Amino acid sequence: MDNRRPILDLTPEGEFRTQPPSRLDRILAVALRYAIIIGVLSALLVLAALSIVALAVLLPILILAALIGGGVLWWRGRRGGGPIRVVMFRPDR
């Protein structure tokens, strides 16, 4: 067992003295910096990919709704149904 007591190295003002970082600490700090940058960039790429997938799913639905609406308007115009009325329902006050 290691029974050595820790050494507290203090300045005359009562603050702890810090040792200069070792070479390994500097290398690990640089590696951490690059890991954070790569993580943020990959998160942005995932977000972009999800938006493309959502667009690929929603675009055919939008086109189908536009075709149905255009078909209904065309059919009413062909039948001579008169002007198109838009009905809006409002809640009672």
PDB file of N, CA and C in Angstrom:
ATOM      1  N   MET A   1       0.839  -1.186   0.000  1.00  0.00           N
ATOM      2  CA  MET A   1       0.000   0.000   0.000  1.00  0.00           C
ATOM      3  C   MET A   1       0.875   1.238   0.000  1.00  0.00           C
ATOM      4  N   ASP A   2       0.352   2.273  -0.618  1.00  0.00           N
ATOM      5  CA  ASP A   2       1.066   3.538  -0.692  1.00  0.00           C
ATOM      6  C   ASP A   2       0.545   4.450   0.416  1.00  0.00           C
ATOM      7  N   ASN A   3       1.345   4.678   1.440  1.00  0.00           N
ATOM      8  CA  ASN A   3       0.920   5.489   2.577  1.00  0.00           C
ATOM      9  C   ASN A   3       1.499   6.893   2.530  1.00  0.00           C
ATOM     10  N   ARG A   4       1.960   7.335   1.385  1.00  0.00           N
ATOM     11  CA  ARG A   4       2.506   8.690   1.289  1.00  0.00           C
ATOM     12  C   ARG A   4       1.377   9.703   1.356  1.00  0.00           C
ATOM     13  N   ARG A   5       1.628  10.800   2.018  1.00  0.00           N
ATOM     14  CA  ARG A   5       0.641  11.860   2.111  1.00  0.00           C
ATOM     15  C   ARG A   5       0.768  12.773   0.890  1.00  0.00           C
ATOM     16  N   PRO A   6      -0.331  13.377   0.471  1.00  0.00           N
ATOM     17  CA  PRO A   6      -0.241  14.287  -0.673  1.00  0.00           C
ATOM     18  C   PRO A   6       0.514  15.554  -0.279  1.00  0.00           C
ATOM     19  N   ILE A   7       1.190  16.125  -1.233  1.00  0.00           N
ATOM     20  CA  ILE A   7       1.935  17.350  -1.003  1.00  0.00           C
ATOM     21  C   ILE A   7       1.094  18.507  -1.530  1.00  0.00           C
ATOM     22  N   LEU A   8       0.828  19.481  -0.659  1.00  0.00           N
ATOM     23  CA  LEU A   8       0.091  20.667  -1.045  1.00  0.00           C
ATOM     24  C   LEU A   8       1.093  21.791  -1.264  1.00  0.00           C
ATOM     25  N   ASP A   9       1.204  22.220  -2.484  1.00  0.00           N
ATOM     26  CA  ASP A   9       2.148  23.268  -2.832  1.00  0.00           C
ATOM     27  C   ASP A   9       1.373  24.573  -2.970  1.00  0.00           C
ATOM     28  N   LEU A  10       1.572  25.514  -2.029  1.00  0.00           N
ATOM     29  CA  LEU A  10       0.815  26.753  -2.018  1.00  0.00           C
ATOM     30  C   LEU A  10       1.742  27.937  -2.240  1.00  0.00           C
ATOM     31  N   THR A  11       1.175  29.001  -2.813  1.00  0.00           N
ATOM     32  CA  THR A  11       1.902  30.258  -2.955  1.00  0.00           C
ATOM     33  C   THR A  11       1.794  31.040  -1.651  1.00  0.00           C
ATOM     34  N   PRO A  12       2.569  32.087  -1.459  1.00  0.00           N
ATOM     35  CA  PRO A  12       2.446  32.886  -0.240  1.00  0.00           C
ATOM     36  C   PRO A  12       1.060  33.520  -0.068  1.00  0.00           C
ATOM     37  N   GLU A  13       0.308  33.690  -1.172  1.00  0.00           N
ATOM     38  CA  GLU A  13      -1.053  34.242  -1.076  1.00  0.00           C
ATOM     39  C   GLU A  13      -2.074  33.185  -0.683  1.00  0.00           C
ATOM     40  N   GLY A  14      -1.685  31.934  -0.613  1.00  0.00           N
ATOM     41  CA  GLY A  14      -2.584  30.857  -0.207  1.00  0.00           C
ATOM     42  C   GLY A  14      -3.272  30.149  -1.354  1.00  0.00           C
ATOM     43  N   GLU A  15      -2.844  30.357  -2.585  1.00  0.00           N
ATOM     44  CA  GLU A  15      -3.424  29.682  -3.741  1.00  0.00           C
ATOM     45  C   GLU A  15      -2.579  28.473  -4.105  1.00  0.00           C
ATOM     46  N   PHE A  16      -3.219  27.498  -4.719  1.00  0.00           N
ATOM     47  CA  PHE A  16      -2.493  26.300  -5.140  1.00  0.00           C
ATOM     48  C   PHE A  16      -1.604  26.623  -6.324  1.00  0.00           C
ATOM     49  N   ARG A  17      -0.429  26.075  -6.323  1.00  0.00           N
ATOM     50  CA  ARG A  17       0.458  26.205  -7.479  1.00  0.00           C
ATOM     51  C   ARG A  17       0.101  25.132  -8.481  1.00  0.00           C
ATOM     52  N   THR A  18       0.071  25.529  -9.705  1.00  0.00           N
ATOM     53  CA  THR A  18      -0.229  24.547 -10.747  1.00  0.00           C
ATOM     54  C   THR A  18       1.054  24.208 -11.486  1.00  0.00           C
ATOM     55  N   GLN A  19       1.166  22.964 -11.807  1.00  0.00           N
ATOM     56  CA  GLN A  19       2.336  22.522 -12.555  1.00  0.00           C
ATOM     57  C   GLN A  19       2.101  22.813 -14.028  1.00  0.00           C
ATOM     58  N   PRO A  20       3.148  23.118 -14.764  1.00  0.00           N
ATOM     59  CA  PRO A  20       2.952  23.338 -16.202  1.00  0.00           C
ATOM     60  C   PRO A  20       2.482  22.040 -16.856  1.00  0.00           C
ATOM     61  N   PRO A  21       1.610  22.158 -17.849  1.00  0.00           N
ATOM     62  CA  PRO A  21       1.093  20.945 -18.482  1.00  0.00           C
ATOM     63  C   PRO A  21       2.210  20.159 -19.162  1.00  0.00           C
ATOM     64  N   SER A  22       2.085  18.851 -19.060  1.00  0.00           N
ATOM     65  CA  SER A  22       3.085  17.988 -19.699  1.00  0.00           C
ATOM     66  C   SER A  22       2.820  17.926 -21.207  1.00  0.00           C
ATOM     67  N   ARG A  23       3.704  17.280 -21.904  1.00  0.00           N
ATOM     68  CA  ARG A  23       3.545  17.157 -23.356  1.00  0.00           C
ATOM     69  C   ARG A  23       2.312  16.322 -23.693  1.00  0.00           C
ATOM     70  N   LEU A  24       2.070  15.299 -22.878  1.00  0.00           N
ATOM     71  CA  LEU A  24       0.883  14.462 -23.096  1.00  0.00           C
ATOM     72  C   LEU A  24      -0.393  15.278 -22.899  1.00  0.00           C
ATOM     73  N   ASP A  25      -0.409  16.170 -21.895  1.00  0.00           N
ATOM     74  CA  ASP A  25      -1.587  17.011 -21.679  1.00  0.00           C
ATOM     75  C   ASP A  25      -1.848  17.915 -22.880  1.00  0.00           C
ATOM     76  N   ARG A  26      -0.809  18.471 -23.458  1.00  0.00           N
ATOM     77  CA  ARG A  26      -0.979  19.331 -24.631  1.00  0.00           C
ATOM     78  C   ARG A  26      -1.476  18.529 -25.832  1.00  0.00           C
ATOM     79  N   ILE A  27      -0.946  17.339 -26.006  1.00  0.00           N
ATOM     80  CA  ILE A  27      -1.384  16.483 -27.125  1.00  0.00           C
ATOM     81  C   ILE A  27      -2.848  16.098 -26.946  1.00  0.00           C
ATOM     82  N   LEU A  28      -3.231  15.753 -25.721  1.00  0.00           N
ATOM     83  CA  LEU A  28      -4.623  15.374 -25.467  1.00  0.00           C
ATOM     84  C   LEU A  28      -5.565  16.566 -25.631  1.00  0.00           C
ATOM     85  N   ALA A  29      -5.103  17.769 -25.291  1.00  0.00           N
ATOM     86  CA  ALA A  29      -5.942  18.961 -25.482  1.00  0.00           C
ATOM     87  C   ALA A  29      -6.196  19.205 -26.964  1.00  0.00           C
ATOM     88  N   VAL A  30      -5.177  19.031 -27.788  1.00  0.00           N
ATOM     89  CA  VAL A  30      -5.350  19.202 -29.239  1.00  0.00           C
ATOM     90  C   VAL A  30      -6.274  18.121 -29.789  1.00  0.00           C
ATOM     91  N   ALA A  31      -6.112  16.886 -29.319  1.00  0.00           N
ATOM     92  CA  ALA A  31      -6.981  15.789 -29.779  1.00  0.00           C
ATOM     93  C   ALA A  31      -8.427  16.044 -29.381  1.00  0.00           C
ATOM     94  N   LEU A  32      -8.624  16.576 -28.156  1.00  0.00           N
ATOM     95  CA  LEU A  32      -9.980  16.885 -27.712  1.00  0.00           C
ATOM     96  C   LEU A  32     -10.591  17.987 -28.565  1.00  0.00           C
ATOM     97  N   ARG A  33      -9.812  18.994 -28.902  1.00  0.00           N
ATOM     98  CA  ARG A  33     -10.306  20.081 -29.737  1.00  0.00           C
ATOM     99  C   ARG A  33     -10.762  19.552 -31.099  1.00  0.00           C
ATOM    100  N   TYR A  34      -9.953  18.715 -31.722  1.00  0.00           N
ATOM    101  CA  TYR A  34     -10.347  18.159 -33.018  1.00  0.00           C
ATOM    102  C   TYR A  34     -11.546  17.217 -32.891  1.00  0.00           C
ATOM    103  N   ALA A  35     -11.629  16.486 -31.797  1.00  0.00           N
ATOM    104  CA  ALA A  35     -12.774  15.585 -31.606  1.00  0.00           C
ATOM    105  C   ALA A  35     -14.072  16.376 -31.470  1.00  0.00           C
ATOM    106  N   ILE A  36     -14.018  17.510 -30.770  1.00  0.00           N
ATOM    107  CA  ILE A  36     -15.211  18.337 -30.642  1.00  0.00           C
ATOM    108  C   ILE A  36     -15.612  18.927 -31.980  1.00  0.00           C
ATOM    109  N   ILE A  37     -14.646  19.396 -32.754  1.00  0.00           N
ATOM    110  CA  ILE A  37     -14.947  19.959 -34.073  1.00  0.00           C
ATOM    111  C   ILE A  37     -15.560  18.898 -34.985  1.00  0.00           C
ATOM    112  N   ILE A  38     -14.995  17.711 -34.981  1.00  0.00           N
ATOM    113  CA  ILE A  38     -15.521  16.628 -35.820  1.00  0.00           C
ATOM    114  C   ILE A  38     -16.919  16.228 -35.359  1.00  0.00           C
ATOM    115  N   GLY A  39     -17.152  16.210 -34.055  1.00  0.00           N
ATOM    116  CA  GLY A  39     -18.478  15.874 -33.538  1.00  0.00           C
ATOM    117  C   GLY A  39     -19.528  16.892 -33.949  1.00  0.00           C
ATOM    118  N   VAL A  40     -19.195  18.171 -33.888  1.00  0.00           N
ATOM    119  CA  VAL A  40     -20.144  19.212 -34.284  1.00  0.00           C
ATOM    120  C   VAL A  40     -20.426  19.132 -35.781  1.00  0.00           C
ATOM    121  N   LEU A  41     -19.391  18.944 -36.580  1.00  0.00           N
ATOM    122  CA  LEU A  41     -19.598  18.830 -38.030  1.00  0.00           C
ATOM    123  C   LEU A  41     -20.438  17.605 -38.387  1.00  0.00           C
ATOM    124  N   SER A  42     -20.202  16.490 -37.713  1.00  0.00           N
ATOM    125  CA  SER A  42     -21.000  15.298 -38.012  1.00  0.00           C
ATOM    126  C   SER A  42     -22.446  15.485 -37.571  1.00  0.00           C
ATOM    127  N   ALA A  43     -22.675  16.210 -36.474  1.00  0.00           N
ATOM    128  CA  ALA A  43     -24.054  16.490 -36.058  1.00  0.00           C
ATOM    129  C   ALA A  43     -24.759  17.363 -37.093  1.00  0.00           C
ATOM    130  N   LEU A  44     -24.046  18.331 -37.664  1.00  0.00           N
ATOM    131  CA  LEU A  44     -24.641  19.161 -38.709  1.00  0.00           C
ATOM    132  C   LEU A  44     -24.946  18.345 -39.963  1.00  0.00           C
ATOM    133  N   LEU A  45     -24.069  17.407 -40.306  1.00  0.00           N
ATOM    134  CA  LEU A  45     -24.335  16.553 -41.472  1.00  0.00           C
ATOM    135  C   LEU A  45     -25.535  15.645 -41.236  1.00  0.00           C
ATOM    136  N   VAL A  46     -25.682  15.148 -40.025  1.00  0.00           N
ATOM    137  CA  VAL A  46     -26.854  14.317 -39.702  1.00  0.00           C
ATOM    138  C   VAL A  46     -28.126  15.141 -39.805  1.00  0.00           C
ATOM    139  N   LEU A  47     -28.089  16.383 -39.323  1.00  0.00           N
ATOM    140  CA  LEU A  47     -29.249  17.262 -39.419  1.00  0.00           C
ATOM    141  C   LEU A  47     -29.599  17.548 -40.877  1.00  0.00           C
ATOM    142  N   ALA A  48     -28.602  17.774 -41.699  1.00  0.00           N
ATOM    143  CA  ALA A  48     -28.849  18.006 -43.122  1.00  0.00           C
ATOM    144  C   ALA A  48     -29.444  16.756 -43.781  1.00  0.00           C
ATOM    145  N   ALA A  49     -28.935  15.590 -43.419  1.00  0.00           N
ATOM    146  CA  ALA A  49     -29.472  14.345 -43.997  1.00  0.00           C
ATOM    147  C   ALA A  49     -30.920  14.130 -43.579  1.00  0.00           C
ATOM    148  N   LEU A  50     -31.244  14.445 -42.323  1.00  0.00           N
ATOM    149  CA  LEU A  50     -32.630  14.287 -41.869  1.00  0.00           C
ATOM    150  C   LEU A  50     -33.555  15.257 -42.585  1.00  0.00           C
ATOM    151  N   SER A  51     -33.087  16.460 -42.872  1.00  0.00           N
ATOM    152  CA  SER A  51     -33.939  17.405 -43.594  1.00  0.00           C
ATOM    153  C   SER A  51     -34.174  16.937 -45.028  1.00  0.00           C
ATOM    154  N   ILE A  52     -33.168  16.328 -45.642  1.00  0.00           N
ATOM    155  CA  ILE A  52     -33.345  15.795 -47.001  1.00  0.00           C
ATOM    156  C   ILE A  52     -34.332  14.635 -46.996  1.00  0.00           C
ATOM    157  N   VAL A  53     -34.253  13.777 -45.984  1.00  0.00           N
ATOM    158  CA  VAL A  53     -35.201  12.657 -45.882  1.00  0.00           C
ATOM    159  C   VAL A  53     -36.618  13.179 -45.677  1.00  0.00           C
ATOM    160  N   ALA A  54     -36.779  14.195 -44.804  1.00  0.00           N
ATOM    161  CA  ALA A  54     -38.107  14.765 -44.578  1.00  0.00           C
ATOM    162  C   ALA A  54     -38.651  15.390 -45.851  1.00  0.00           C
ATOM    163  N   LEU A  55     -37.799  16.071 -46.594  1.00  0.00           N
ATOM    164  CA  LEU A  55     -38.227  16.661 -47.861  1.00  0.00           C
ATOM    165  C   LEU A  55     -38.634  15.578 -48.855  1.00  0.00           C
ATOM    166  N   ALA A  56     -37.890  14.487 -48.889  1.00  0.00           N
ATOM    167  CA  ALA A  56     -38.210  13.399 -49.813  1.00  0.00           C
ATOM    168  C   ALA A  56     -39.539  12.732 -49.450  1.00  0.00           C
ATOM    169  N   VAL A  57     -39.899  12.755 -48.180  1.00  0.00           N
ATOM    170  CA  VAL A  57     -41.173  12.158 -47.766  1.00  0.00           C
ATOM    171  C   VAL A  57     -42.323  13.132 -48.010  1.00  0.00           C
ATOM    172  N   LEU A  58     -42.115  14.407 -47.712  1.00  0.00           N
ATOM    173  CA  LEU A  58     -43.211  15.371 -47.779  1.00  0.00           C
ATOM    174  C   LEU A  58     -43.484  15.895 -49.187  1.00  0.00           C
ATOM    175  N   LEU A  59     -42.502  15.899 -50.052  1.00  0.00           N
ATOM    176  CA  LEU A  59     -42.701  16.434 -51.395  1.00  0.00           C
ATOM    177  C   LEU A  59     -43.739  15.645 -52.202  1.00  0.00           C
ATOM    178  N   PRO A  60     -43.725  14.313 -52.215  1.00  0.00           N
ATOM    179  CA  PRO A  60     -44.788  13.596 -52.947  1.00  0.00           C
ATOM    180  C   PRO A  60     -46.179  13.847 -52.359  1.00  0.00           C
ATOM    181  N   ILE A  61     -46.271  14.026 -51.049  1.00  0.00           N
ATOM    182  CA  ILE A  61     -47.574  14.322 -50.435  1.00  0.00           C
ATOM    183  C   ILE A  61     -48.061  15.686 -50.898  1.00  0.00           C
ATOM    184  N   LEU A  62     -47.151  16.658 -50.967  1.00  0.00           N
ATOM    185  CA  LEU A  62     -47.513  17.993 -51.437  1.00  0.00           C
ATOM    186  C   LEU A  62     -47.959  17.957 -52.897  1.00  0.00           C
ATOM    187  N   ILE A  63     -47.245  17.223 -53.715  1.00  0.00           N
ATOM    188  CA  ILE A  63     -47.608  17.132 -55.136  1.00  0.00           C
ATOM    189  C   ILE A  63     -48.962  16.457 -55.300  1.00  0.00           C
ATOM    190  N   LEU A  64     -49.228  15.401 -54.541  1.00  0.00           N
ATOM    191  CA  LEU A  64     -50.518  14.712 -54.615  1.00  0.00           C
ATOM    192  C   LEU A  64     -51.644  15.624 -54.178  1.00  0.00           C
ATOM    193  N   ALA A  65     -51.463  16.386 -53.100  1.00  0.00           N
ATOM    194  CA  ALA A  65     -52.502  17.309 -52.644  1.00  0.00           C
ATOM    195  C   ALA A  65     -52.754  18.388 -53.688  1.00  0.00           C
ATOM    196  N   ALA A  66     -51.694  18.884 -54.327  1.00  0.00           N
ATOM    197  CA  ALA A  66     -51.867  19.901 -55.371  1.00  0.00           C
ATOM    198  C   ALA A  66     -52.609  19.322 -56.571  1.00  0.00           C
ATOM    199  N   LEU A  67     -52.302  18.092 -56.941  1.00  0.00           N
ATOM    200  CA  LEU A  67     -53.008  17.462 -58.065  1.00  0.00           C
ATOM    201  C   LEU A  67     -54.484  17.254 -57.747  1.00  0.00           C
ATOM    202  N   ILE A  68     -54.792  16.831 -56.541  1.00  0.00           N
ATOM    203  CA  ILE A  68     -56.199  16.630 -56.162  1.00  0.00           C
ATOM    204  C   ILE A  68     -56.941  17.960 -56.161  1.00  0.00           C
ATOM    205  N   GLY A  69     -56.314  18.991 -55.553  1.00  0.00           N
ATOM    206  CA  GLY A  69     -56.962  20.306 -55.529  1.00  0.00           C
ATOM    207  C   GLY A  69     -57.142  20.869 -56.931  1.00  0.00           C
ATOM    208  N   GLY A  70     -56.120  20.736 -57.781  1.00  0.00           N
ATOM    209  CA  GLY A  70     -56.242  21.205 -59.161  1.00  0.00           C
ATOM    210  C   GLY A  70     -57.296  20.435 -59.929  1.00  0.00           C
ATOM    211  N   GLY A  71     -57.379  19.131 -59.683  1.00  0.00           N
ATOM    212  CA  GLY A  71     -58.401  18.328 -60.353  1.00  0.00           C
ATOM    213  C   GLY A  71     -59.806  18.727 -59.942  1.00  0.00           C
ATOM    214  N   VAL A  72     -59.993  19.012 -58.660  1.00  0.00           N
ATOM    215  CA  VAL A  72     -61.316  19.444 -58.191  1.00  0.00           C
ATOM    216  C   VAL A  72     -61.684  20.784 -58.820  1.00  0.00           C
ATOM    217  N   LEU A  73     -60.731  21.720 -58.848  1.00  0.00           N
ATOM    218  CA  LEU A  73     -61.023  23.016 -59.453  1.00  0.00           C
ATOM    219  C   LEU A  73     -61.289  22.883 -60.955  1.00  0.00           C
ATOM    220  N   TRP A  74     -60.540  22.044 -61.630  1.00  0.00           N
ATOM    221  CA  TRP A  74     -60.753  21.831 -63.060  1.00  0.00           C
ATOM    222  C   TRP A  74     -62.139  21.242 -63.311  1.00  0.00           C
ATOM    223  N   TRP A  75     -62.539  20.257 -62.502  1.00  0.00           N
ATOM    224  CA  TRP A  75     -63.831  19.600 -62.674  1.00  0.00           C
ATOM    225  C   TRP A  75     -64.975  20.573 -62.451  1.00  0.00           C
ATOM    226  N   ARG A  76     -64.843  21.415 -61.418  1.00  0.00           N
ATOM    227  CA  ARG A  76     -65.897  22.397 -61.162  1.00  0.00           C
ATOM    228  C   ARG A  76     -65.967  23.420 -62.301  1.00  0.00           C
ATOM    229  N   GLY A  77     -64.823  23.841 -62.809  1.00  0.00           N
ATOM    230  CA  GLY A  77     -64.823  24.790 -63.919  1.00  0.00           C
ATOM    231  C   GLY A  77     -65.390  24.185 -65.186  1.00  0.00           C
ATOM    232  N   ARG A  78     -65.132  22.917 -65.415  1.00  0.00           N
ATOM    233  CA  ARG A  78     -65.623  22.231 -66.614  1.00  0.00           C
ATOM    234  C   ARG A  78     -67.129  22.049 -66.555  1.00  0.00           C
ATOM    235  N   ARG A  79     -67.631  21.783 -65.342  1.00  0.00           N
ATOM    236  CA  ARG A  79     -69.059  21.575 -65.170  1.00  0.00           C
ATOM    237  C   ARG A  79     -69.837  22.877 -65.239  1.00  0.00           C
ATOM    238  N   GLY A  80     -69.148  23.993 -65.101  1.00  0.00           N
ATOM    239  CA  GLY A  80     -69.843  25.279 -65.116  1.00  0.00           C
ATOM    240  C   GLY A  80     -70.498  25.552 -63.775  1.00  0.00           C
ATOM    241  N   GLY A  81     -69.844  25.237 -62.738  1.00  0.00           N
ATOM    242  CA  GLY A  81     -70.428  25.388 -61.408  1.00  0.00           C
ATOM    243  C   GLY A  81     -70.424  26.806 -60.897  1.00  0.00           C
ATOM    244  N   GLY A  82     -69.994  27.750 -61.675  1.00  0.00           N
ATOM    245  CA  GLY A  82     -70.003  29.146 -61.227  1.00  0.00           C
ATOM    246  C   GLY A  82     -68.734  29.475 -60.466  1.00  0.00           C
ATOM    247  N   PRO A  83     -68.792  30.585 -59.790  1.00  0.00           N
ATOM    248  CA  PRO A  83     -67.588  31.007 -59.063  1.00  0.00           C
ATOM    249  C   PRO A  83     -67.285  30.056 -57.901  1.00  0.00           C
ATOM    250  N   ILE A  84     -66.037  30.010 -57.564  1.00  0.00           N
ATOM    251  CA  ILE A  84     -65.610  29.126 -56.482  1.00  0.00           C
ATOM    252  C   ILE A  84     -65.805  29.857 -55.163  1.00  0.00           C
ATOM    253  N   ARG A  85     -66.498  29.195 -54.244  1.00  0.00           N
ATOM    254  CA  ARG A  85     -66.727  29.784 -52.925  1.00  0.00           C
ATOM    255  C   ARG A  85     -65.802  29.116 -51.926  1.00  0.00           C
ATOM    256  N   VAL A  86     -65.216  29.949 -51.098  1.00  0.00           N
ATOM    257  CA  VAL A  86     -64.370  29.438 -50.011  1.00  0.00           C
ATOM    258  C   VAL A  86     -65.136  29.647 -48.718  1.00  0.00           C
ATOM    259  N   VAL A  87     -65.334  28.575 -47.989  1.00  0.00           N
ATOM    260  CA  VAL A  87     -66.110  28.632 -46.739  1.00  0.00           C
ATOM    261  C   VAL A  87     -65.133  28.498 -45.578  1.00  0.00           C
ATOM    262  N   MET A  88     -65.246  29.466 -44.655  1.00  0.00           N
ATOM    263  CA  MET A  88     -64.400  29.410 -43.455  1.00  0.00           C
ATOM    264  C   MET A  88     -65.314  29.306 -42.242  1.00  0.00           C
ATOM    265  N   PHE A  89     -64.996  28.376 -41.384  1.00  0.00           N
ATOM    266  CA  PHE A  89     -65.766  28.196 -40.170  1.00  0.00           C
ATOM    267  C   PHE A  89     -65.084  28.923 -39.030  1.00  0.00           C
ATOM    268  N   ARG A  90     -65.837  29.781 -38.347  1.00  0.00           N
ATOM    269  CA  ARG A  90     -65.297  30.502 -37.205  1.00  0.00           C
ATOM    270  C   ARG A  90     -65.976  30.015 -35.943  1.00  0.00           C
ATOM    271  N   PRO A  91     -65.207  29.958 -34.872  1.00  0.00           N
ATOM    272  CA  PRO A  91     -65.852  29.534 -33.622  1.00  0.00           C
ATOM    273  C   PRO A  91     -66.802  30.621 -33.121  1.00  0.00           C
ATOM    274  N   ASP A  92     -67.863  30.196 -32.463  1.00  0.00           N
ATOM    275  CA  ASP A  92     -68.829  31.159 -31.911  1.00  0.00           C
ATOM    276  C   ASP A  92     -68.179  31.952 -30.797  1.00  0.00           C
ATOM    277  N   ARG A  93     -68.512  33.233 -30.780  1.00  0.00           N
ATOM    278  CA  ARG A  93     -67.927  34.088 -29.731  1.00  0.00           C
ATOM    279  C   ARG A  93     -68.916  34.354 -28.646  1.00  0.00           C
TER     280      ARG A  93
END
